[in-house]
C-alpha atoms as a PDB file:
ATOM      1  CA  MET A   1      70.504  82.658 104.130  1.00  0.00           C
ATOM      2  CA  ALA A   2      68.434  85.842 103.837  1.00  0.00           C
ATOM      3  CA  LYS A   3      66.476  84.923 106.959  1.00  0.00           C
ATOM      4  CA  THR A   4      69.696  84.324 108.875  1.00  0.00           C
ATOM      5  CA  LYS A   5      71.100  87.717 107.897  1.00  0.00           C
ATOM      6  CA  THR A   6      67.843  89.480 108.793  1.00  0.00           C
ATOM      7  CA  HIS A   7      67.800  87.772 112.177  1.00  0.00           C
ATOM      8  CA  PHE A   8      71.429  88.728 112.753  1.00  0.00           C
ATOM      9  CA  ALA A   9      70.675  92.350 111.842  1.00  0.00           C
ATOM     10  CA  GLU A  10      68.007  92.427 114.530  1.00  0.00           C
ATOM     11  CA  LEU A  11      70.652  91.398 117.074  1.00  0.00           C
ATOM     12  CA  ASP A  12      73.423  93.648 115.762  1.00  0.00           C
ATOM     13  CA  PRO A  13      74.416  95.903 118.694  1.00  0.00           C
ATOM     14  CA  VAL A  14      76.896  98.008 116.715  1.00  0.00           C
ATOM     15  CA  TRP A  15      74.426  98.798 113.951  1.00  0.00           C
ATOM     16  CA  ASN A  16      71.579  99.374 116.407  1.00  0.00           C
ATOM     17  CA  GLN A  17      73.748 101.827 118.345  1.00  0.00           C
ATOM     18  CA  ILE A  18      74.686 103.677 115.151  1.00  0.00           C
ATOM     19  CA  ARG A  19      71.032 104.033 114.174  1.00  0.00           C
ATOM     20  CA  THR A  20      70.077 105.302 117.624  1.00  0.00           C
ATOM     21  CA  GLU A  21      72.867 107.870 117.514  1.00  0.00           C
ATOM     22  CA  ALA A  22      71.871 108.874 113.980  1.00  0.00           C
ATOM     23  CA  GLU A  23      68.298 109.571 115.074  1.00  0.00           C
ATOM     24  CA  ASP A  24      69.579 111.694 117.945  1.00  0.00           C
ATOM     25  CA  ALA A  25      71.984 113.565 115.635  1.00  0.00           C
ATOM     26  CA  VAL A  26      69.141 114.513 113.279  1.00  0.00           C
ATOM     27  CA  LYS A  27      67.175 115.954 116.190  1.00  0.00           C
ATOM     28  CA  LYS A  28      70.150 118.035 117.341  1.00  0.00           C
ATOM     29  CA  GLU A  29      71.320 119.139 113.884  1.00  0.00           C
ATOM     30  CA  PRO A  30      68.421 119.119 111.396  1.00  0.00           C
ATOM     31  CA  LEU A  31      70.618 120.549 108.630  1.00  0.00           C
ATOM     32  CA  LEU A  32      72.441 117.201 108.545  1.00  0.00           C
ATOM     33  CA  GLY A  33      69.160 115.312 108.334  1.00  0.00           C
ATOM     34  CA  GLY A  34      69.385 114.560 104.619  1.00  0.00           C
ATOM     35  CA  LEU A  35      72.962 113.319 104.874  1.00  0.00           C
ATOM     36  CA  ILE A  36      72.336 111.159 107.921  1.00  0.00           C
ATOM     37  CA  HIS A  37      69.115 109.722 106.537  1.00  0.00           C
ATOM     38  CA  SER A  38      70.725 108.788 103.215  1.00  0.00           C
ATOM     39  CA  SER A  39      73.859 107.412 104.884  1.00  0.00           C
ATOM     40  CA  ILE A  40      72.372 105.604 107.891  1.00  0.00           C
ATOM     41  CA  LEU A  41      68.645 105.652 108.468  1.00  0.00           C
ATOM     42  CA  HIS A  42      67.614 104.635 104.945  1.00  0.00           C
ATOM     43  CA  HIS A  43      69.531 101.352 105.326  1.00  0.00           C
ATOM     44  CA  ASP A  44      68.503  98.147 107.073  1.00  0.00           C
ATOM     45  CA  THR A  45      72.001  96.772 107.651  1.00  0.00           C
ATOM     46  CA  ILE A  46      75.483  98.048 108.322  1.00  0.00           C
ATOM     47  CA  GLU A  47      76.607  96.308 105.117  1.00  0.00           C
ATOM     48  CA  ASN A  48      74.270  98.487 103.062  1.00  0.00           C
ATOM     49  CA  ALA A  49      75.394 101.633 104.884  1.00  0.00           C
ATOM     50  CA  LEU A  50      79.072 100.788 104.365  1.00  0.00           C
ATOM     51  CA  ALA A  51      78.503 100.144 100.665  1.00  0.00           C
ATOM     52  CA  TYR A  52      76.642 103.441 100.304  1.00  0.00           C
ATOM     53  CA  ARG A  53      79.256 105.517 102.148  1.00  0.00           C
ATOM     54  CA  THR A  54      82.116 103.920 100.221  1.00  0.00           C
ATOM     55  CA  SER A  55      80.455 104.472  96.864  1.00  0.00           C
ATOM     56  CA  LEU A  56      79.639 108.071  97.748  1.00  0.00           C
ATOM     57  CA  LYS A  57      83.239 108.793  98.683  1.00  0.00           C
ATOM     58  CA  LEU A  58      84.988 106.980  95.823  1.00  0.00           C
ATOM     59  CA  ALA A  59      82.705 107.924  92.921  1.00  0.00           C
ATOM     60  CA  SER A  60      84.092 110.272  90.298  1.00  0.00           C
ATOM     61  CA  GLY A  61      83.723 111.181  86.652  1.00  0.00           C
ATOM     62  CA  GLU A  62      85.681 108.013  85.900  1.00  0.00           C
ATOM     63  CA  MET A  63      83.279 105.645  87.656  1.00  0.00           C
ATOM     64  CA  SER A  64      79.773 106.288  88.903  1.00  0.00           C
ATOM     65  CA  GLU A  65      78.477 105.888  92.430  1.00  0.00           C
ATOM     66  CA  GLN A  66      76.075 103.199  91.213  1.00  0.00           C
ATOM     67  CA  LEU A  67      78.834 100.999  89.787  1.00  0.00           C
ATOM     68  CA  ILE A  68      80.975 101.278  92.910  1.00  0.00           C
ATOM     69  CA  ARG A  69      77.918 100.556  95.055  1.00  0.00           C
ATOM     70  CA  GLU A  70      77.278  97.356  93.072  1.00  0.00           C
ATOM     71  CA  ILE A  71      80.881  96.248  93.628  1.00  0.00           C
ATOM     72  CA  CYS A  72      80.667  96.955  97.372  1.00  0.00           C
ATOM     73  CA  ASP A  73      77.317  95.165  97.675  1.00  0.00           C
ATOM     74  CA  ALA A  74      78.802  92.127  95.950  1.00  0.00           C
ATOM     75  CA  ALA A  75      81.789  92.159  98.305  1.00  0.00           C
ATOM     76  CA  TYR A  76      79.682  92.342 101.473  1.00  0.00           C
ATOM     77  CA  THR A  77      77.330  89.639 100.185  1.00  0.00           C
ATOM     78  CA  ASP A  78      80.184  87.302  99.289  1.00  0.00           C
ATOM     79  CA  ASP A  79      82.352  87.795 102.387  1.00  0.00           C
ATOM     80  CA  GLU A  80      80.645  88.447 105.708  1.00  0.00           C
ATOM     81  CA  THR A  81      84.001  88.980 107.429  1.00  0.00           C
ATOM     82  CA  LEU A  82      84.282  92.409 105.769  1.00  0.00           C
ATOM     83  CA  ALA A  83      81.416  93.850 107.799  1.00  0.00           C
ATOM     84  CA  LEU A  84      82.492  91.951 110.915  1.00  0.00           C
ATOM     85  CA  ALA A  85      85.896  93.621 110.618  1.00  0.00           C
ATOM     86  CA  ALA A  86      84.194  96.992 110.143  1.00  0.00           C
ATOM     87  CA  ARG A  87      82.259  96.520 113.368  1.00  0.00           C
ATOM     88  CA  ALA A  88      85.492  95.685 115.190  1.00  0.00           C
ATOM     89  CA  ASP A  89      87.148  98.755 113.643  1.00  0.00           C
ATOM     90  CA  ILE A  90      84.308 101.002 114.831  1.00  0.00           C
ATOM     91  CA  ALA A  91      84.587  99.620 118.354  1.00  0.00           C
ATOM     92  CA  ALA A  92      88.363 100.098 118.251  1.00  0.00           C
ATOM     93  CA  VAL A  93      88.086 103.752 117.261  1.00  0.00           C
ATOM     94  CA  TYR A  94      85.444 104.381 119.918  1.00  0.00           C
ATOM     95  CA  ASP A  95      87.546 102.700 122.622  1.00  0.00           C
ATOM     96  CA  ARG A  96      90.909 104.252 121.749  1.00  0.00           C
ATOM     97  CA  ASP A  97      90.299 107.704 120.251  1.00  0.00           C
ATOM     98  CA  PRO A  98      89.387 110.304 122.880  1.00  0.00           C
ATOM     99  CA  ALA A  99      87.869 112.433 120.100  1.00  0.00           C
ATOM    100  CA  CYS A 100      85.364 109.694 119.271  1.00  0.00           C
ATOM    101  CA  HIS A 101      82.260 109.851 121.458  1.00  0.00           C
ATOM    102  CA  ARG A 102      79.801 107.856 119.347  1.00  0.00           C
ATOM    103  CA  PHE A 103      79.832 104.806 117.086  1.00  0.00           C
ATOM    104  CA  LEU A 104      78.329 107.050 114.420  1.00  0.00           C
ATOM    105  CA  GLN A 105      81.456 109.180 114.028  1.00  0.00           C
ATOM    106  CA  PRO A 106      83.837 106.763 112.253  1.00  0.00           C
ATOM    107  CA  LEU A 107      81.237 105.762 109.684  1.00  0.00           C
ATOM    108  CA  MET A 108      80.193 109.334 108.962  1.00  0.00           C
ATOM    109  CA  PHE A 109      83.239 111.507 109.542  1.00  0.00           C
ATOM    110  CA  PHE A 110      86.584 109.723 110.103  1.00  0.00           C
ATOM    111  CA  LYS A 111      88.642 109.230 106.956  1.00  0.00           C
ATOM    112  CA  GLY A 112      90.900 106.635 108.584  1.00  0.00           C
ATOM    113  CA  PHE A 113      87.941 104.329 109.090  1.00  0.00           C
ATOM    114  CA  GLN A 114      86.469 105.113 105.671  1.00  0.00           C
ATOM    115  CA  ALA A 115      89.782 104.502 103.916  1.00  0.00           C
ATOM    116  CA  LEU A 116      90.223 101.205 105.747  1.00  0.00           C
ATOM    117  CA  GLN A 117      86.773  99.940 104.729  1.00  0.00           C
ATOM    118  CA  SER A 118      87.448 100.961 101.128  1.00  0.00           C
ATOM    119  CA  TYR A 119      90.717  99.015 101.289  1.00  0.00           C
ATOM    120  CA  ARG A 120      88.836  95.974 102.557  1.00  0.00           C
ATOM    121  CA  VAL A 121      86.657  95.968  99.431  1.00  0.00           C
ATOM    122  CA  ALA A 122      89.767  96.497  97.269  1.00  0.00           C
ATOM    123  CA  HIS A 123      91.420  93.512  98.984  1.00  0.00           C
ATOM    124  CA  TRP A 124      88.333  91.411  98.224  1.00  0.00           C
ATOM    125  CA  LEU A 125      88.645  92.448  94.575  1.00  0.00           C
ATOM    126  CA  TRP A 126      92.325  91.484  94.621  1.00  0.00           C
ATOM    127  CA  LEU A 127      91.529  88.029  95.966  1.00  0.00           C
ATOM    128  CA  GLN A 128      88.853  87.652  93.279  1.00  0.00           C
ATOM    129  CA  GLY A 129      91.526  88.224  90.628  1.00  0.00           C
ATOM    130  CA  ARG A 130      90.091  91.626  89.670  1.00  0.00           C
ATOM    131  CA  ARG A 131      93.442  93.359  89.955  1.00  0.00           C
ATOM    132  CA  ASP A 132      92.745  96.435  87.808  1.00  0.00           C
ATOM    133  CA  MET A 133      89.541  97.248  89.701  1.00  0.00           C
ATOM    134  CA  ALA A 134      91.438  96.796  92.972  1.00  0.00           C
ATOM    135  CA  TYR A 135      94.046  99.262  91.742  1.00  0.00           C
ATOM    136  CA  PHE A 136      91.268 101.689  90.828  1.00  0.00           C
ATOM    137  CA  PHE A 137      89.956 101.530  94.399  1.00  0.00           C
ATOM    138  CA  GLN A 138      93.494 102.072  95.723  1.00  0.00           C
ATOM    139  CA  MET A 139      93.886 105.122  93.509  1.00  0.00           C
ATOM    140  CA  ARG A 140      90.585 106.656  94.605  1.00  0.00           C
ATOM    141  CA  VAL A 141      91.310 106.009  98.285  1.00  0.00           C
ATOM    142  CA  SER A 142      94.650 107.779  97.885  1.00  0.00           C
ATOM    143  CA  GLU A 143      93.062 110.698  96.052  1.00  0.00           C
ATOM    144  CA  GLN A 144      90.133 111.092  98.438  1.00  0.00           C
ATOM    145  CA  PHE A 145      91.668 110.319 101.821  1.00  0.00           C
ATOM    146  CA  GLY A 146      95.428 110.752 101.444  1.00  0.00           C
ATOM    147  CA  VAL A 147      95.836 107.097 102.470  1.00  0.00           C
ATOM    148  CA  ASP A 148      97.673 104.648 100.184  1.00  0.00           C
ATOM    149  CA  ILE A 149      97.095 100.983 101.026  1.00  0.00           C
ATOM    150  CA  HIS A 150      98.026  98.390  98.433  1.00  0.00           C
ATOM    151  CA  PRO A 151      95.057  96.057  97.882  1.00  0.00           C
ATOM    152  CA  ALA A 152      97.273  92.982  98.306  1.00  0.00           C
ATOM    153  CA  ALA A 153      98.292  93.975 101.846  1.00  0.00           C
ATOM    154  CA  ARG A 154      96.732  91.892 104.621  1.00  0.00           C
ATOM    155  CA  ILE A 155      95.174  93.813 107.488  1.00  0.00           C
ATOM    156  CA  GLY A 156      93.403  92.328 110.499  1.00  0.00           C
ATOM    157  CA  LYS A 157      90.384  93.561 112.424  1.00  0.00           C
ATOM    158  CA  GLY A 158      90.000  95.993 115.299  1.00  0.00           C
ATOM    159  CA  ILE A 159      92.254  98.525 113.558  1.00  0.00           C
ATOM    160  CA  MET A 160      92.399 102.202 114.474  1.00  0.00           C
ATOM    161  CA  ILE A 161      94.098 104.613 112.066  1.00  0.00           C
ATOM    162  CA  ASP A 162      93.976 107.952 113.861  1.00  0.00           C
ATOM    163  CA  HIS A 163      93.911 111.099 111.682  1.00  0.00           C
ATOM    164  CA  ALA A 164      95.185 108.829 108.894  1.00  0.00           C
ATOM    165  CA  HIS A 165      96.793 111.474 106.687  1.00  0.00           C
ATOM    166  CA  SER A 166      99.756 110.169 104.649  1.00  0.00           C
ATOM    167  CA  ILE A 167      99.446 106.537 105.719  1.00  0.00           C
ATOM    168  CA  VAL A 168     101.307 104.194 103.318  1.00  0.00           C
ATOM    169  CA  ILE A 169     101.044 100.391 103.534  1.00  0.00           C
ATOM    170  CA  GLY A 170     102.900  98.344 100.945  1.00  0.00           C
ATOM    171  CA  GLU A 171     101.934  95.318  98.883  1.00  0.00           C
ATOM    172  CA  THR A 172     103.385  92.523 101.025  1.00  0.00           C
ATOM    173  CA  ALA A 173     102.744  94.164 104.389  1.00  0.00           C
ATOM    174  CA  VAL A 174     100.799  92.250 107.025  1.00  0.00           C
ATOM    175  CA  VAL A 175      99.048  93.986 109.933  1.00  0.00           C
ATOM    176  CA  GLY A 176      97.650  91.880 112.773  1.00  0.00           C
ATOM    177  CA  ASP A 177      94.533  92.377 114.845  1.00  0.00           C
ATOM    178  CA  ASN A 178      93.947  95.261 117.268  1.00  0.00           C
ATOM    179  CA  VAL A 179      96.710  97.470 115.880  1.00  0.00           C
ATOM    180  CA  SER A 180      96.675 101.252 116.335  1.00  0.00           C
ATOM    181  CA  MET A 181      98.618 103.648 114.139  1.00  0.00           C
ATOM    182  CA  LEU A 182      98.704 107.417 113.838  1.00  0.00           C
ATOM    183  CA  HIS A 183      99.155 109.683 110.832  1.00  0.00           C
ATOM    184  CA  SER A 184     102.139 109.567 108.468  1.00  0.00           C
ATOM    185  CA  VAL A 185     103.032 105.958 109.270  1.00  0.00           C
ATOM    186  CA  THR A 186     104.792 104.063 106.479  1.00  0.00           C
ATOM    187  CA  LEU A 187     105.018 100.289 106.219  1.00  0.00           C
ATOM    188  CA  GLY A 188     107.376 100.231 103.263  1.00  0.00           C
ATOM    189  CA  GLY A 189     110.217  98.496 101.484  1.00  0.00           C
ATOM    190  CA  THR A 190     113.911  99.281 101.408  1.00  0.00           C
ATOM    191  CA  GLY A 191     114.622  99.136  97.693  1.00  0.00           C
ATOM    192  CA  LYS A 192     113.491  97.721  94.358  1.00  0.00           C
ATOM    193  CA  GLU A 193     113.176  94.081  95.373  1.00  0.00           C
ATOM    194  CA  GLU A 194     109.958  92.511  94.079  1.00  0.00           C
ATOM    195  CA  GLU A 195     109.451  89.640  96.499  1.00  0.00           C
ATOM    196  CA  ASP A 196     108.225  89.731 100.107  1.00  0.00           C
ATOM    197  CA  ARG A 197     109.584  93.142 101.063  1.00  0.00           C
ATOM    198  CA  HIS A 198     107.290  94.831 103.591  1.00  0.00           C
ATOM    199  CA  PRO A 199     106.869  94.666 107.383  1.00  0.00           C
ATOM    200  CA  LYS A 200     104.836  92.139 109.337  1.00  0.00           C
ATOM    201  CA  ILE A 201     103.124  93.858 112.269  1.00  0.00           C
ATOM    202  CA  GLY A 202     101.994  91.646 115.147  1.00  0.00           C
ATOM    203  CA  ASP A 203      98.762  91.878 117.116  1.00  0.00           C
ATOM    204  CA  GLY A 204      98.240  94.725 119.557  1.00  0.00           C
ATOM    205  CA  VAL A 205     101.049  96.961 118.246  1.00  0.00           C
ATOM    206  CA  LEU A 206     100.997 100.752 118.677  1.00  0.00           C
ATOM    207  CA  ILE A 207     102.756 102.723 115.909  1.00  0.00           C
ATOM    208  CA  GLY A 208     103.326 106.412 116.657  1.00  0.00           C
ATOM    209  CA  ALA A 209     102.890 109.335 114.278  1.00  0.00           C
ATOM    210  CA  GLY A 210     105.451 109.582 111.490  1.00  0.00           C
ATOM    211  CA  ALA A 211     107.065 106.207 112.214  1.00  0.00           C
ATOM    212  CA  LYS A 212     108.616 104.400 109.238  1.00  0.00           C
ATOM    213  CA  VAL A 213     108.883 100.609 109.360  1.00  0.00           C
ATOM    214  CA  LEU A 214     110.901  99.423 106.378  1.00  0.00           C
ATOM    215  CA  GLY A 215     111.724  96.032 104.939  1.00  0.00           C
ATOM    216  CA  ASN A 216     110.573  92.458 105.461  1.00  0.00           C
ATOM    217  CA  ILE A 217     110.922  92.569 109.233  1.00  0.00           C
ATOM    218  CA  HIS A 218     108.697  91.411 112.065  1.00  0.00           C
ATOM    219  CA  VAL A 219     107.344  93.732 114.745  1.00  0.00           C
ATOM    220  CA  GLY A 220     106.454  91.581 117.725  1.00  0.00           C
ATOM    221  CA  HIS A 221     103.021  91.550 119.265  1.00  0.00           C
ATOM    222  CA  CYS A 222     102.048  94.179 121.857  1.00  0.00           C
ATOM    223  CA  SER A 223     105.085  96.350 121.138  1.00  0.00           C
ATOM    224  CA  ARG A 224     105.352 100.128 120.742  1.00  0.00           C
ATOM    225  CA  ILE A 225     107.069 102.156 118.025  1.00  0.00           C
ATOM    226  CA  ALA A 226     107.712 105.729 119.119  1.00  0.00           C
ATOM    227  CA  ALA A 227     106.662 108.654 116.965  1.00  0.00           C
ATOM    228  CA  GLY A 228     109.180 109.610 114.281  1.00  0.00           C
ATOM    229  CA  SER A 229     111.168 106.391 114.550  1.00  0.00           C
ATOM    230  CA  VAL A 230     112.726 104.587 111.582  1.00  0.00           C
ATOM    231  CA  VAL A 231     112.559 100.842 112.178  1.00  0.00           C
ATOM    232  CA  LEU A 232     114.939  98.733 110.083  1.00  0.00           C
ATOM    233  CA  HIS A 233     115.327  95.612 112.245  1.00  0.00           C
ATOM    234  CA  GLU A 234     113.145  93.108 114.075  1.00  0.00           C
ATOM    235  CA  VAL A 235     111.233  94.385 117.098  1.00  0.00           C
ATOM    236  CA  PRO A 236     110.856  91.900 119.982  1.00  0.00           C
ATOM    237  CA  PRO A 237     107.392  91.389 121.432  1.00  0.00           C
ATOM    238  CA  LYS A 238     106.276  93.638 124.302  1.00  0.00           C
ATOM    239  CA  THR A 239     109.094  96.163 123.857  1.00  0.00           C
ATOM    240  CA  THR A 240     109.334  99.846 122.987  1.00  0.00           C
ATOM    241  CA  VAL A 241     111.622 101.013 120.183  1.00  0.00           C
ATOM    242  CA  ALA A 242     112.560 104.609 119.398  1.00  0.00           C
ATOM    243  CA  GLY A 243     115.032 106.621 117.379  1.00  0.00           C
ATOM    244  CA  VAL A 244     116.640 106.829 113.939  1.00  0.00           C
ATOM    245  CA  PRO A 245     117.446 104.035 113.454  1.00  0.00           C
ATOM    246  CA  ALA A 246     115.136 102.633 116.117  1.00  0.00           C
ATOM    247  CA  LYS A 247     116.540 100.706 119.062  1.00  0.00           C
ATOM    248  CA  VAL A 248     114.909  98.956 121.984  1.00  0.00           C
ATOM    249  CA  VAL A 249     114.557 101.480 124.812  1.00  0.00           C
ATOM    250  CA  GLY A 250     112.524  99.415 127.250  1.00  0.00           C
ATOM    251  CA  GLU A 251     109.442  97.327 127.742  1.00  0.00           C
ATOM    252  CA  ALA A 252     106.107  98.201 126.140  1.00  0.00           C
ATOM    253  CA  GLY A 253     104.857  99.591 129.445  1.00  0.00           C
ATOM    254  CA  CYS A 254     101.654  97.523 129.513  1.00  0.00           C
ATOM    255  CA  SER A 255     100.148  94.360 128.074  1.00  0.00           C
ATOM    256  CA  THR A 256      97.938  96.184 125.539  1.00  0.00           C
ATOM    257  CA  PRO A 257      99.740  99.269 124.159  1.00  0.00           C
ATOM    258  CA  SER A 258      97.465  99.602 121.120  1.00  0.00           C
ATOM    259  CA  ILE A 259      94.460  99.924 123.421  1.00  0.00           C
ATOM    260  CA  THR A 260      95.890 102.115 126.180  1.00  0.00           C
ATOM    261  CA  MET A 261      97.489 104.377 123.537  1.00  0.00           C
ATOM    262  CA  ASP A 262     100.196 105.470 125.983  1.00  0.00           C
ATOM    263  CA  GLN A 263     102.962 106.995 123.851  1.00  0.00           C
ATOM    264  CA  LEU A 264     105.158 108.439 126.596  1.00  0.00           C
ATOM    265  CA  LEU A 265     108.542 106.735 126.769  1.00  0.00           C
ATOM    266  CA  GLY A 266     109.464 105.404 130.154  1.00  0.00           C
ATOM    267  CA  THR A 267     105.898 104.986 131.408  1.00  0.00           C
ATOM    268  CA  LYS A 268     105.083 101.766 133.183  1.00  0.00           C
END
């Protein structure tokens, strides 16, 4: 198994690109050399770098960096899909965020990406039955990044959370692959019910800034939710909804709204 992972690392284009960019960044900004070396260049694999960055961000007086690092290492060793999802998330941010010019940026500087990878470890803990440790990760992610994702939520790969401030994703929420959402999005419930009570977001959905999607409702694949909308009912696939409460105002405008990131109503 170790030989297979080493061979894969040698053929890992995302990690190789990050390392190349890290070396260039050190040349251009030597004052960041220590940070970039410890975060990127001292590691052989993206799994090790992710574990290090997560432990550095989530450590506190309540739990040391070393202990969190051991948990993250165990997660990445046990479930290879965690790092595969991280690679897809990096590519998604690079493709969709005009402020992202290098693969290095999400891993080093973007709290949306960092919060999402921390959630992925917390979700692994949840599935392992380590509920209290998963809650601890959720708490630290909320405190550090201003992002509150319940560790039981299910989130796909290729996710971009732009700016990320005040994101809330509830316990029974499901988010598909290749979804993009902006800051202050809430995927929440509508009351005190304890069963399946949060939204189910399809693949390829674009959720605008400040949108609130509430209740156990389905948002169809490749749809758009306009900024500031409050969605209380099902959203058909490939449509655009807007308003308070949100209503269908037209088609999605393209086949891949989460990738084109076009948020102007009425565009075709």
